[in-house]
PDB file of N, CA and C in Angstrom:
ATOM      1  N   UNK A   1     -27.547  -0.330   5.284  1.00  0.00           N
ATOM      2  CA  UNK A   1     -27.134   0.970   5.735  1.00  0.00           C
ATOM      3  C   UNK A   1     -28.069   2.000   5.117  1.00  0.00           C
ATOM      4  N   UNK A   2     -28.534   2.962   5.927  1.00  0.00           N
ATOM      5  CA  UNK A   2     -29.440   3.991   5.443  1.00  0.00           C
ATOM      6  C   UNK A   2     -28.861   5.354   5.769  1.00  0.00           C
ATOM      7  N   UNK A   3     -28.955   6.261   4.833  1.00  0.00           N
ATOM      8  CA  UNK A   3     -28.567   7.650   5.040  1.00  0.00           C
ATOM      9  C   UNK A   3     -29.799   8.521   4.891  1.00  0.00           C
ATOM     10  N   UNK A   4     -29.774   9.665   5.559  1.00  0.00           N
ATOM     11  CA  UNK A   4     -30.882  10.606   5.450  1.00  0.00           C
ATOM     12  C   UNK A   4     -30.363  11.856   4.769  1.00  0.00           C
ATOM     13  N   UNK A   5     -31.063  12.278   3.727  1.00  0.00           N
ATOM     14  CA  UNK A   5     -30.719  13.489   3.001  1.00  0.00           C
ATOM     15  C   UNK A   5     -31.912  14.417   3.096  1.00  0.00           C
ATOM     16  N   UNK A   6     -31.676  15.674   3.462  1.00  0.00           N
ATOM     17  CA  UNK A   6     -32.779  16.623   3.565  1.00  0.00           C
ATOM     18  C   UNK A   6     -32.678  17.662   2.464  1.00  0.00           C
ATOM     19  N   UNK A   7     -33.823  18.076   1.978  1.00  0.00           N
ATOM     20  CA  UNK A   7     -33.912  19.113   0.947  1.00  0.00           C
ATOM     21  C   UNK A   7     -35.031  20.046   1.373  1.00  0.00           C
ATOM     22  N   UNK A   8     -34.674  21.103   2.088  1.00  0.00           N
ATOM     23  CA  UNK A   8     -35.619  22.048   2.673  1.00  0.00           C
ATOM     24  C   UNK A   8     -36.645  21.313   3.524  1.00  0.00           C
ATOM     25  N   UNK A   9     -37.878  21.153   3.052  1.00  0.00           N
ATOM     26  CA  UNK A   9     -38.931  20.558   3.871  1.00  0.00           C
ATOM     27  C   UNK A   9     -39.081  19.056   3.679  1.00  0.00           C
ATOM     28  N   UNK A  10     -38.322  18.461   2.764  1.00  0.00           N
ATOM     29  CA  UNK A  10     -38.493  17.048   2.441  1.00  0.00           C
ATOM     30  C   UNK A  10     -37.319  16.244   2.984  1.00  0.00           C
ATOM     31  N   UNK A  11     -37.607  15.087   3.546  1.00  0.00           N
ATOM     32  CA  UNK A  11     -36.566  14.183   4.032  1.00  0.00           C
ATOM     33  C   UNK A  11     -36.600  12.936   3.150  1.00  0.00           C
ATOM     34  N   UNK A  12     -35.437  12.581   2.617  1.00  0.00           N
ATOM     35  CA  UNK A  12     -35.313  11.401   1.777  1.00  0.00           C
ATOM     36  C   UNK A  12     -34.519  10.346   2.535  1.00  0.00           C
ATOM     37  N   UNK A  13     -35.002   9.120   2.520  1.00  0.00           N
ATOM     38  CA  UNK A  13     -34.253   8.001   3.089  1.00  0.00           C
ATOM     39  C   UNK A  13     -33.674   7.222   1.920  1.00  0.00           C
ATOM     40  N   UNK A  14     -32.360   7.117   1.903  1.00  0.00           N
ATOM     41  CA  UNK A  14     -31.686   6.439   0.805  1.00  0.00           C
ATOM     42  C   UNK A  14     -31.152   5.115   1.325  1.00  0.00           C
ATOM     43  N   UNK A  15     -31.534   4.029   0.667  1.00  0.00           N
ATOM     44  CA  UNK A  15     -31.031   2.710   1.028  1.00  0.00           C
ATOM     45  C   UNK A  15     -29.708   2.510   0.300  1.00  0.00           C
ATOM     46  N   UNK A  16     -28.601   2.669   1.018  1.00  0.00           N
ATOM     47  CA  UNK A  16     -27.277   2.591   0.398  1.00  0.00           C
ATOM     48  C   UNK A  16     -26.946   1.191  -0.102  1.00  0.00           C
ATOM     49  N   UNK A  17     -27.614   0.165   0.428  1.00  0.00           N
ATOM     50  CA  UNK A  17     -27.365  -1.184  -0.066  1.00  0.00           C
ATOM     51  C   UNK A  17     -27.794  -1.323  -1.519  1.00  0.00           C
ATOM     52  N   UNK A  18     -28.822  -0.578  -1.924  1.00  0.00           N
ATOM     53  CA  UNK A  18     -29.288  -0.652  -3.300  1.00  0.00           C
ATOM     54  C   UNK A  18     -28.413   0.167  -4.238  1.00  0.00           C
ATOM     55  N   UNK A  19     -27.594   1.035  -3.675  1.00  0.00           N
ATOM     56  CA  UNK A  19     -26.717   1.873  -4.479  1.00  0.00           C
ATOM     57  C   UNK A  19     -25.290   1.351  -4.491  1.00  0.00           C
ATOM     58  N   UNK A  20     -25.091   0.138  -4.026  1.00  0.00           N
ATOM     59  CA  UNK A  20     -23.734  -0.362  -3.847  1.00  0.00           C
ATOM     60  C   UNK A  20     -23.011  -0.555  -5.171  1.00  0.00           C
ATOM     61  N   UNK A  21     -21.732  -0.305  -5.098  1.00  0.00           N
ATOM     62  CA  UNK A  21     -20.852  -0.473  -6.240  1.00  0.00           C
ATOM     63  C   UNK A  21     -19.711  -1.369  -5.808  1.00  0.00           C
ATOM     64  N   UNK A  22     -19.401  -2.335  -6.632  1.00  0.00           N
ATOM     65  CA  UNK A  22     -18.274  -3.209  -6.319  1.00  0.00           C
ATOM     66  C   UNK A  22     -17.180  -2.995  -7.358  1.00  0.00           C
ATOM     67  N   UNK A  23     -15.947  -3.157  -6.940  1.00  0.00           N
ATOM     68  CA  UNK A  23     -14.819  -3.103  -7.859  1.00  0.00           C
ATOM     69  C   UNK A  23     -14.301  -4.512  -8.037  1.00  0.00           C
ATOM     70  N   UNK A  24     -14.111  -4.899  -9.290  1.00  0.00           N
ATOM     71  CA  UNK A  24     -13.562  -6.219  -9.585  1.00  0.00           C
ATOM     72  C   UNK A  24     -12.476  -6.068 -10.629  1.00  0.00           C
ATOM     73  N   UNK A  25     -11.412  -6.821 -10.461  1.00  0.00           N
ATOM     74  CA  UNK A  25     -10.354  -6.815 -11.463  1.00  0.00           C
ATOM     75  C   UNK A  25     -10.782  -7.696 -12.634  1.00  0.00           C
ATOM     76  N   UNK A  26     -10.101  -7.550 -13.729  1.00  0.00           N
ATOM     77  CA  UNK A  26     -10.423  -8.379 -14.899  1.00  0.00           C
ATOM     78  C   UNK A  26     -10.256  -9.851 -14.549  1.00  0.00           C
ATOM     79  N   UNK A  27      -9.239 -10.172 -13.767  1.00  0.00           N
ATOM     80  CA  UNK A  27      -9.007 -11.564 -13.365  1.00  0.00           C
ATOM     81  C   UNK A  27     -10.192 -12.084 -12.543  1.00  0.00           C
ATOM     82  N   UNK A  28     -10.662 -11.286 -11.565  1.00  0.00           N
ATOM     83  CA  UNK A  28     -11.819 -11.685 -10.752  1.00  0.00           C
ATOM     84  C   UNK A  28     -13.061 -11.842 -11.616  1.00  0.00           C
ATOM     85  N   UNK A  29     -13.243 -10.919 -12.556  1.00  0.00           N
ATOM     86  CA  UNK A  29     -14.411 -10.980 -13.437  1.00  0.00           C
ATOM     87  C   UNK A  29     -14.410 -12.270 -14.244  1.00  0.00           C
ATOM     88  N   UNK A  30     -13.239 -12.616 -14.779  1.00  0.00           N
ATOM     89  CA  UNK A  30     -13.147 -13.852 -15.568  1.00  0.00           C
ATOM     90  C   UNK A  30     -13.417 -15.084 -14.704  1.00  0.00           C
ATOM     91  N   UNK A  31     -12.935 -15.058 -13.464  1.00  0.00           N
ATOM     92  CA  UNK A  31     -13.092 -16.219 -12.584  1.00  0.00           C
ATOM     93  C   UNK A  31     -14.506 -16.363 -12.025  1.00  0.00           C
ATOM     94  N   UNK A  32     -15.201 -15.222 -11.820  1.00  0.00           N
ATOM     95  CA  UNK A  32     -16.504 -15.254 -11.150  1.00  0.00           C
ATOM     96  C   UNK A  32     -17.579 -14.538 -11.973  1.00  0.00           C
ATOM     97  N   UNK A  33     -17.521 -14.674 -13.270  1.00  0.00           N
ATOM     98  CA  UNK A  33     -18.421 -13.934 -14.150  1.00  0.00           C
ATOM     99  C   UNK A  33     -19.888 -14.149 -13.814  1.00  0.00           C
ATOM    100  N   UNK A  34     -20.311 -15.383 -13.661  1.00  0.00           N
ATOM    101  CA  UNK A  34     -21.734 -15.659 -13.412  1.00  0.00           C
ATOM    102  C   UNK A  34     -22.211 -15.017 -12.123  1.00  0.00           C
ATOM    103  N   UNK A  35     -21.428 -15.116 -11.060  1.00  0.00           N
ATOM    104  CA  UNK A  35     -21.824 -14.537  -9.778  1.00  0.00           C
ATOM    105  C   UNK A  35     -21.881 -13.014  -9.856  1.00  0.00           C
ATOM    106  N   UNK A  36     -20.932 -12.405 -10.541  1.00  0.00           N
ATOM    107  CA  UNK A  36     -20.918 -10.944 -10.668  1.00  0.00           C
ATOM    108  C   UNK A  36     -22.100 -10.472 -11.500  1.00  0.00           C
ATOM    109  N   UNK A  37     -22.396 -11.176 -12.578  1.00  0.00           N
ATOM    110  CA  UNK A  37     -23.546 -10.801 -13.417  1.00  0.00           C
ATOM    111  C   UNK A  37     -24.843 -10.931 -12.621  1.00  0.00           C
ATOM    112  N   UNK A  38     -24.968 -11.956 -11.781  1.00  0.00           N
ATOM    113  CA  UNK A  38     -26.165 -12.084 -10.933  1.00  0.00           C
ATOM    114  C   UNK A  38     -26.299 -10.890  -9.997  1.00  0.00           C
ATOM    115  N   UNK A  39     -25.191 -10.431  -9.423  1.00  0.00           N
ATOM    116  CA  UNK A  39     -25.240  -9.266  -8.529  1.00  0.00           C
ATOM    117  C   UNK A  39     -25.621  -7.999  -9.288  1.00  0.00           C
ATOM    118  N   UNK A  40     -25.121  -7.863 -10.515  1.00  0.00           N
ATOM    119  CA  UNK A  40     -25.487  -6.705 -11.334  1.00  0.00           C
ATOM    120  C   UNK A  40     -26.972  -6.770 -11.687  1.00  0.00           C
ATOM    121  N   UNK A  41     -27.465  -7.955 -12.026  1.00  0.00           N
ATOM    122  CA  UNK A  41     -28.894  -8.110 -12.310  1.00  0.00           C
ATOM    123  C   UNK A  41     -29.735  -7.718 -11.098  1.00  0.00           C
ATOM    124  N   UNK A  42     -29.203  -7.931  -9.906  1.00  0.00           N
ATOM    125  CA  UNK A  42     -29.928  -7.605  -8.672  1.00  0.00           C
ATOM    126  C   UNK A  42     -29.873  -6.119  -8.345  1.00  0.00           C
ATOM    127  N   UNK A  43     -29.146  -5.340  -9.149  1.00  0.00           N
ATOM    128  CA  UNK A  43     -29.145  -3.895  -8.951  1.00  0.00           C
ATOM    129  C   UNK A  43     -27.810  -3.269  -8.621  1.00  0.00           C
ATOM    130  N   UNK A  44     -26.771  -4.066  -8.420  1.00  0.00           N
ATOM    131  CA  UNK A  44     -25.465  -3.499  -8.109  1.00  0.00           C
ATOM    132  C   UNK A  44     -24.764  -3.029  -9.386  1.00  0.00           C
ATOM    133  N   UNK A  45     -23.776  -2.191  -9.204  1.00  0.00           N
ATOM    134  CA  UNK A  45     -22.931  -1.743 -10.308  1.00  0.00           C
ATOM    135  C   UNK A  45     -21.545  -2.317 -10.065  1.00  0.00           C
ATOM    136  N   UNK A  46     -20.918  -2.821 -11.121  1.00  0.00           N
ATOM    137  CA  UNK A  46     -19.570  -3.371 -11.006  1.00  0.00           C
ATOM    138  C   UNK A  46     -18.612  -2.509 -11.822  1.00  0.00           C
ATOM    139  N   UNK A  47     -17.565  -2.019 -11.168  1.00  0.00           N
ATOM    140  CA  UNK A  47     -16.504  -1.284 -11.847  1.00  0.00           C
ATOM    141  C   UNK A  47     -15.387  -2.285 -12.110  1.00  0.00           C
ATOM    142  N   UNK A  48     -15.041  -2.466 -13.376  1.00  0.00           N
ATOM    143  CA  UNK A  48     -13.992  -3.403 -13.760  1.00  0.00           C
ATOM    144  C   UNK A  48     -12.680  -2.635 -13.836  1.00  0.00           C
ATOM    145  N   UNK A  49     -11.653  -3.172 -13.169  1.00  0.00           N
ATOM    146  CA  UNK A  49     -10.366  -2.482 -13.121  1.00  0.00           C
ATOM    147  C   UNK A  49      -9.281  -3.315 -13.786  1.00  0.00           C
ATOM    148  N   UNK A  50      -8.292  -2.605 -14.289  1.00  0.00           N
ATOM    149  CA  UNK A  50      -7.085  -3.228 -14.824  1.00  0.00           C
ATOM    150  C   UNK A  50      -5.921  -2.433 -14.264  1.00  0.00           C
ATOM    151  N   UNK A  51      -5.062  -3.089 -13.500  1.00  0.00           N
ATOM    152  CA  UNK A  51      -3.930  -2.424 -12.850  1.00  0.00           C
ATOM    153  C   UNK A  51      -4.413  -1.241 -12.002  1.00  0.00           C
ATOM    154  N   UNK A  52      -5.491  -1.483 -11.252  1.00  0.00           N
ATOM    155  CA  UNK A  52      -6.086  -0.509 -10.321  1.00  0.00           C
ATOM    156  C   UNK A  52      -6.699   0.712 -10.990  1.00  0.00           C
ATOM    157  N   UNK A  53      -6.900   0.670 -12.300  1.00  0.00           N
ATOM    158  CA  UNK A  53      -7.572   1.765 -13.006  1.00  0.00           C
ATOM    159  C   UNK A  53      -8.891   1.259 -13.572  1.00  0.00           C
ATOM    160  N   UNK A  54      -9.947   2.049 -13.395  1.00  0.00           N
ATOM    161  CA  UNK A  54     -11.260   1.667 -13.910  1.00  0.00           C
ATOM    162  C   UNK A  54     -11.231   1.655 -15.434  1.00  0.00           C
ATOM    163  N   UNK A  55     -11.693   0.558 -16.031  1.00  0.00           N
ATOM    164  CA  UNK A  55     -11.713   0.442 -17.489  1.00  0.00           C
ATOM    165  C   UNK A  55     -13.115   0.188 -18.036  1.00  0.00           C
ATOM    166  N   UNK A  56     -14.042  -0.224 -17.172  1.00  0.00           N
ATOM    167  CA  UNK A  56     -15.407  -0.508 -17.641  1.00  0.00           C
ATOM    168  C   UNK A  56     -16.352  -0.492 -16.444  1.00  0.00           C
ATOM    169  N   UNK A  57     -17.639  -0.356 -16.766  1.00  0.00           N
ATOM    170  CA  UNK A  57     -18.663  -0.387 -15.725  1.00  0.00           C
ATOM    171  C   UNK A  57     -19.790  -1.290 -16.199  1.00  0.00           C
ATOM    172  N   UNK A  58     -20.193  -2.215 -15.356  1.00  0.00           N
ATOM    173  CA  UNK A  58     -21.344  -3.076 -15.634  1.00  0.00           C
ATOM    174  C   UNK A  58     -22.507  -2.554 -14.809  1.00  0.00           C
ATOM    175  N   UNK A  59     -23.602  -2.230 -15.481  1.00  0.00           N
ATOM    176  CA  UNK A  59     -24.780  -1.707 -14.798  1.00  0.00           C
ATOM    177  C   UNK A  59     -25.993  -2.527 -15.219  1.00  0.00           C
ATOM    178  N   UNK A  60     -27.006  -2.591 -14.354  1.00  0.00           N
ATOM    179  CA  UNK A  60     -28.220  -3.309 -14.743  1.00  0.00           C
ATOM    180  C   UNK A  60     -28.915  -2.579 -15.892  1.00  0.00           C
ATOM    181  N   UNK A  61     -29.597  -3.309 -16.769  1.00  0.00           N
ATOM    182  CA  UNK A  61     -30.300  -2.650 -17.866  1.00  0.00           C
ATOM    183  C   UNK A  61     -31.491  -1.855 -17.333  1.00  0.00           C
ATOM    184  N   UNK A  62     -31.921  -0.833 -18.080  1.00  0.00           N
ATOM    185  CA  UNK A  62     -33.097  -0.080 -17.633  1.00  0.00           C
ATOM    186  C   UNK A  62     -34.332  -0.974 -17.689  1.00  0.00           C
ATOM    187  N   UNK A  63     -35.342  -0.674 -16.899  1.00  0.00           N
ATOM    188  CA  UNK A  63     -36.569  -1.473 -16.948  1.00  0.00           C
ATOM    189  C   UNK A  63     -37.161  -1.465 -18.364  1.00  0.00           C
ATOM    190  N   UNK A  64     -37.845  -2.539 -18.709  1.00  0.00           N
ATOM    191  CA  UNK A  64     -38.465  -2.645 -20.027  1.00  0.00           C
ATOM    192  C   UNK A  64     -39.423  -1.482 -20.243  1.00  0.00           C
ATOM    193  N   UNK A  65     -39.363  -0.897 -21.431  1.00  0.00           N
ATOM    194  CA  UNK A  65     -40.223   0.236 -21.735  1.00  0.00           C
ATOM    195  C   UNK A  65     -39.639   1.548 -21.249  1.00  0.00           C
ATOM    196  N   UNK A  66     -38.420   1.506 -20.719  1.00  0.00           N
ATOM    197  CA  UNK A  66     -37.788   2.713 -20.200  1.00  0.00           C
ATOM    198  C   UNK A  66     -36.516   3.002 -20.997  1.00  0.00           C
ATOM    199  N   UNK A  67     -36.594   2.830 -22.301  1.00  0.00           N
ATOM    200  CA  UNK A  67     -35.425   3.062 -23.137  1.00  0.00           C
ATOM    201  C   UNK A  67     -35.222   4.554 -23.361  1.00  0.00           C
ATOM    202  N   UNK A  68     -34.062   4.908 -23.886  1.00  0.00           N
ATOM    203  CA  UNK A  68     -33.783   6.313 -24.190  1.00  0.00           C
ATOM    204  C   UNK A  68     -34.823   6.866 -25.152  1.00  0.00           C
ATOM    205  N   UNK A  69     -35.197   6.077 -26.148  1.00  0.00           N
ATOM    206  CA  UNK A  69     -36.188   6.525 -27.122  1.00  0.00           C
ATOM    207  C   UNK A  69     -37.527   6.785 -26.451  1.00  0.00           C
ATOM    208  N   UNK A  70     -37.939   5.886 -25.541  1.00  0.00           N
ATOM    209  CA  UNK A  70     -39.206   6.083 -24.831  1.00  0.00           C
ATOM    210  C   UNK A  70     -39.186   7.364 -24.002  1.00  0.00           C
ATOM    211  N   UNK A  71     -38.056   7.635 -23.337  1.00  0.00           N
ATOM    212  CA  UNK A  71     -37.944   8.861 -22.533  1.00  0.00           C
ATOM    213  C   UNK A  71     -37.986  10.101 -23.421  1.00  0.00           C
ATOM    214  N   UNK A  72     -37.324  10.057 -24.585  1.00  0.00           N
ATOM    215  CA  UNK A  72     -37.347  11.198 -25.503  1.00  0.00           C
ATOM    216  C   UNK A  72     -38.750  11.435 -26.060  1.00  0.00           C
ATOM    217  N   UNK A  73     -39.458  10.352 -26.391  1.00  0.00           N
ATOM    218  CA  UNK A  73     -40.831  10.484 -26.871  1.00  0.00           C
ATOM    219  C   UNK A  73     -41.724  11.096 -25.791  1.00  0.00           C
ATOM    220  N   UNK A  74     -41.588  10.607 -24.556  1.00  0.00           N
ATOM    221  CA  UNK A  74     -42.420  11.105 -23.452  1.00  0.00           C
ATOM    222  C   UNK A  74     -42.141  12.575 -23.152  1.00  0.00           C
ATOM    223  N   UNK A  75     -40.900  13.002 -23.318  1.00  0.00           N
ATOM    224  CA  UNK A  75     -40.565  14.392 -23.018  1.00  0.00           C
ATOM    225  C   UNK A  75     -40.908  15.333 -24.161  1.00  0.00           C
ATOM    226  N   UNK A  76     -41.220  14.772 -25.329  1.00  0.00           N
ATOM    227  CA  UNK A  76     -41.575  15.605 -26.467  1.00  0.00           C
ATOM    228  C   UNK A  76     -40.378  16.083 -27.278  1.00  0.00           C
ATOM    229  N   UNK A  77     -39.178  15.595 -26.954  1.00  0.00           N
ATOM    230  CA  UNK A  77     -37.995  16.013 -27.710  1.00  0.00           C
ATOM    231  C   UNK A  77     -37.951  15.393 -29.101  1.00  0.00           C
ATOM    232  N   UNK A  78     -38.570  14.232 -29.264  1.00  0.00           N
ATOM    233  CA  UNK A  78     -38.737  13.645 -30.599  1.00  0.00           C
ATOM    234  C   UNK A  78     -40.216  13.330 -30.768  1.00  0.00           C
ATOM    235  N   UNK A  79     -40.666  13.318 -32.021  1.00  0.00           N
ATOM    236  CA  UNK A  79     -42.091  13.122 -32.247  1.00  0.00           C
ATOM    237  C   UNK A  79     -42.433  11.743 -32.786  1.00  0.00           C
ATOM    238  N   UNK A  80     -41.446  11.008 -33.253  1.00  0.00           N
ATOM    239  CA  UNK A  80     -41.721   9.651 -33.718  1.00  0.00           C
ATOM    240  C   UNK A  80     -40.484   8.795 -33.510  1.00  0.00           C
ATOM    241  N   UNK A  81     -40.705   7.492 -33.451  1.00  0.00           N
ATOM    242  CA  UNK A  81     -39.612   6.544 -33.256  1.00  0.00           C
ATOM    243  C   UNK A  81     -38.777   6.469 -34.535  1.00  0.00           C
ATOM    244  N   UNK A  82     -37.433   6.549 -34.423  1.00  0.00           N
ATOM    245  CA  UNK A  82     -36.585   6.467 -35.617  1.00  0.00           C
ATOM    246  C   UNK A  82     -36.768   5.136 -36.339  1.00  0.00           C
ATOM    247  N   UNK A  83     -36.612   5.169 -37.648  1.00  0.00           N
ATOM    248  CA  UNK A  83     -36.688   3.936 -38.426  1.00  0.00           C
ATOM    249  C   UNK A  83     -35.446   3.109 -38.172  1.00  0.00           C
ATOM    250  N   UNK A  84     -35.580   1.795 -38.073  1.00  0.00           N
ATOM    251  CA  UNK A  84     -34.390   0.965 -37.872  1.00  0.00           C
ATOM    252  C   UNK A  84     -33.433   1.123 -39.058  1.00  0.00           C
ATOM    253  N   UNK A  85     -32.192   1.403 -38.758  1.00  0.00           N
ATOM    254  CA  UNK A  85     -31.165   1.468 -39.789  1.00  0.00           C
ATOM    255  C   UNK A  85     -31.167   2.713 -40.643  1.00  0.00           C
ATOM    256  N   UNK A  86     -31.896   3.737 -40.277  1.00  0.00           N
ATOM    257  CA  UNK A  86     -31.888   4.914 -41.131  1.00  0.00           C
ATOM    258  C   UNK A  86     -32.362   6.157 -40.429  1.00  0.00           C
ATOM    259  N   UNK A  87     -32.166   7.256 -41.084  1.00  0.00           N
ATOM    260  CA  UNK A  87     -32.609   8.540 -40.562  1.00  0.00           C
ATOM    261  C   UNK A  87     -34.053   8.783 -40.944  1.00  0.00           C
ATOM    262  N   UNK A  88     -34.707   9.639 -40.195  1.00  0.00           N
ATOM    263  CA  UNK A  88     -36.069  10.016 -40.559  1.00  0.00           C
ATOM    264  C   UNK A  88     -36.017  10.836 -41.846  1.00  0.00           C
ATOM    265  N   UNK A  89     -36.917  10.581 -42.729  1.00  0.00           N
ATOM    266  CA  UNK A  89     -36.970  11.316 -43.994  1.00  0.00           C
ATOM    267  C   UNK A  89     -37.846  12.545 -43.827  1.00  0.00           C
ATOM    268  N   UNK A  90     -37.417  13.630 -44.385  1.00  0.00           N
ATOM    269  CA  UNK A  90     -38.192  14.856 -44.329  1.00  0.00           C
ATOM    270  C   UNK A  90     -38.094  15.557 -45.673  1.00  0.00           C
ATOM    271  N   UNK A  91     -38.718  16.686 -45.797  1.00  0.00           N
ATOM    272  CA  UNK A  91     -38.646  17.403 -47.067  1.00  0.00           C
ATOM    273  C   UNK A  91     -37.219  17.901 -47.310  1.00  0.00           C
ATOM    274  N   UNK A  92     -36.830  17.864 -48.567  1.00  0.00           N
ATOM    275  CA  UNK A  92     -35.502  18.358 -48.929  1.00  0.00           C
ATOM    276  C   UNK A  92     -35.509  19.875 -48.943  1.00  0.00           C
ATOM    277  N   UNK A  93     -34.461  20.442 -48.400  1.00  0.00           N
ATOM    278  CA  UNK A  93     -34.341  21.886 -48.402  1.00  0.00           C
ATOM    279  C   UNK A  93     -33.605  22.331 -49.667  1.00  0.00           C
ATOM    280  N   UNK A  94     -34.086  23.380 -50.317  1.00  0.00           N
ATOM    281  CA  UNK A  94     -33.395  23.831 -51.527  1.00  0.00           C
ATOM    282  C   UNK A  94     -32.056  24.463 -51.171  1.00  0.00           C
ATOM    283  N   UNK A  95     -31.054  24.194 -52.008  1.00  0.00           N
ATOM    284  CA  UNK A  95     -29.732  24.778 -51.820  1.00  0.00           C
ATOM    285  C   UNK A  95     -29.672  26.111 -52.554  1.00  0.00           C
ATOM    286  N   UNK A  96     -28.899  27.041 -52.021  1.00  0.00           N
ATOM    287  CA  UNK A  96     -28.754  28.325 -52.718  1.00  0.00           C
ATOM    288  C   UNK A  96     -28.133  28.115 -54.102  1.00  0.00           C
ATOM    289  N   UNK A  97     -28.538  28.938 -55.051  1.00  0.00           N
ATOM    290  CA  UNK A  97     -28.004  28.819 -56.422  1.00  0.00           C
ATOM    291  C   UNK A  97     -26.499  29.030 -56.401  1.00  0.00           C
ATOM    292  N   UNK A  98     -25.782  28.202 -57.151  1.00  0.00           N
ATOM    293  CA  UNK A  98     -24.332  28.326 -57.265  1.00  0.00           C
ATOM    294  C   UNK A  98     -23.553  27.830 -56.062  1.00  0.00           C
ATOM    295  N   UNK A  99     -24.204  27.093 -55.160  1.00  0.00           N
ATOM    296  CA  UNK A  99     -23.496  26.639 -53.961  1.00  0.00           C
ATOM    297  C   UNK A  99     -22.629  25.411 -54.218  1.00  0.00           C
ATOM    298  N   UNK A 100     -22.809  24.743 -55.340  1.00  0.00           N
ATOM    299  CA  UNK A 100     -22.002  23.562 -55.642  1.00  0.00           C
ATOM    300  C   UNK A 100     -22.522  22.337 -54.920  1.00  0.00           C
ATOM    301  N   UNK A 101     -21.751  21.273 -55.006  1.00  0.00           N
ATOM    302  CA  UNK A 101     -22.149  20.011 -54.386  1.00  0.00           C
ATOM    303  C   UNK A 101     -21.368  19.808 -53.090  1.00  0.00           C
ATOM    304  N   UNK A 102     -21.785  18.835 -52.318  1.00  0.00           N
ATOM    305  CA  UNK A 102     -21.092  18.517 -51.084  1.00  0.00           C
ATOM    306  C   UNK A 102     -19.668  18.067 -51.374  1.00  0.00           C
ATOM    307  N   UNK A 103     -19.492  17.255 -52.399  1.00  0.00           N
ATOM    308  CA  UNK A 103     -18.141  16.792 -52.729  1.00  0.00           C
ATOM    309  C   UNK A 103     -17.240  17.968 -53.122  1.00  0.00           C
ATOM    310  N   UNK A 104     -17.792  18.984 -53.818  1.00  0.00           N
ATOM    311  CA  UNK A 104     -16.986  20.183 -54.140  1.00  0.00           C
ATOM    312  C   UNK A 104     -16.538  20.882 -52.853  1.00  0.00           C
ATOM    313  N   UNK A 105     -17.420  20.979 -51.872  1.00  0.00           N
ATOM    314  CA  UNK A 105     -17.080  21.638 -50.604  1.00  0.00           C
ATOM    315  C   UNK A 105     -16.002  20.868 -49.870  1.00  0.00           C
ATOM    316  N   UNK A 106     -16.074  19.536 -49.902  1.00  0.00           N
ATOM    317  CA  UNK A 106     -15.071  18.710 -49.226  1.00  0.00           C
ATOM    318  C   UNK A 106     -13.715  18.870 -49.904  1.00  0.00           C
ATOM    319  N   UNK A 107     -13.716  18.830 -51.238  1.00  0.00           N
ATOM    320  CA  UNK A 107     -12.451  18.984 -51.980  1.00  0.00           C
ATOM    321  C   UNK A 107     -11.851  20.369 -51.710  1.00  0.00           C
ATOM    322  N   UNK A 108     -12.681  21.390 -51.682  1.00  0.00           N
ATOM    323  CA  UNK A 108     -12.196  22.749 -51.403  1.00  0.00           C
ATOM    324  C   UNK A 108     -11.632  22.844 -49.988  1.00  0.00           C
ATOM    325  N   UNK A 109     -12.305  22.199 -49.028  1.00  0.00           N
ATOM    326  CA  UNK A 109     -11.859  22.254 -47.643  1.00  0.00           C
ATOM    327  C   UNK A 109     -10.526  21.544 -47.454  1.00  0.00           C
ATOM    328  N   UNK A 110     -10.294  20.471 -48.211  1.00  0.00           N
ATOM    329  CA  UNK A 110      -9.053  19.710 -48.077  1.00  0.00           C
ATOM    330  C   UNK A 110      -7.877  20.401 -48.748  1.00  0.00           C
ATOM    331  N   UNK A 111      -8.199  21.373 -49.599  1.00  0.00           N
ATOM    332  CA  UNK A 111      -7.158  22.189 -50.216  1.00  0.00           C
ATOM    333  C   UNK A 111      -6.448  21.460 -51.266  1.00  0.00           C
TER     334      UNK A 111
END
């Protein structure tokens, strides 16, 4: 099935078969897991339902090299890849004199 979407001077042809979404109950998922995973690998999205309410979504993974970190690096929002298991280290900022410690602030906030 194909739909046509227009945006001023541009015409887009959308292949709706590639955008298909299937709904499966937890029981169906358990019974046909391998077949459903194969369909998701092929590009479909599976909405998992419990008592007719959506509880999860199975989507194909992004293409290799197209991770969130790669997109952030390419857009310039981050300048280096985060270290595994930790925050990026930077220079320590001086605290104002007499500001106390973080634990003092927490104790004061808790009253």
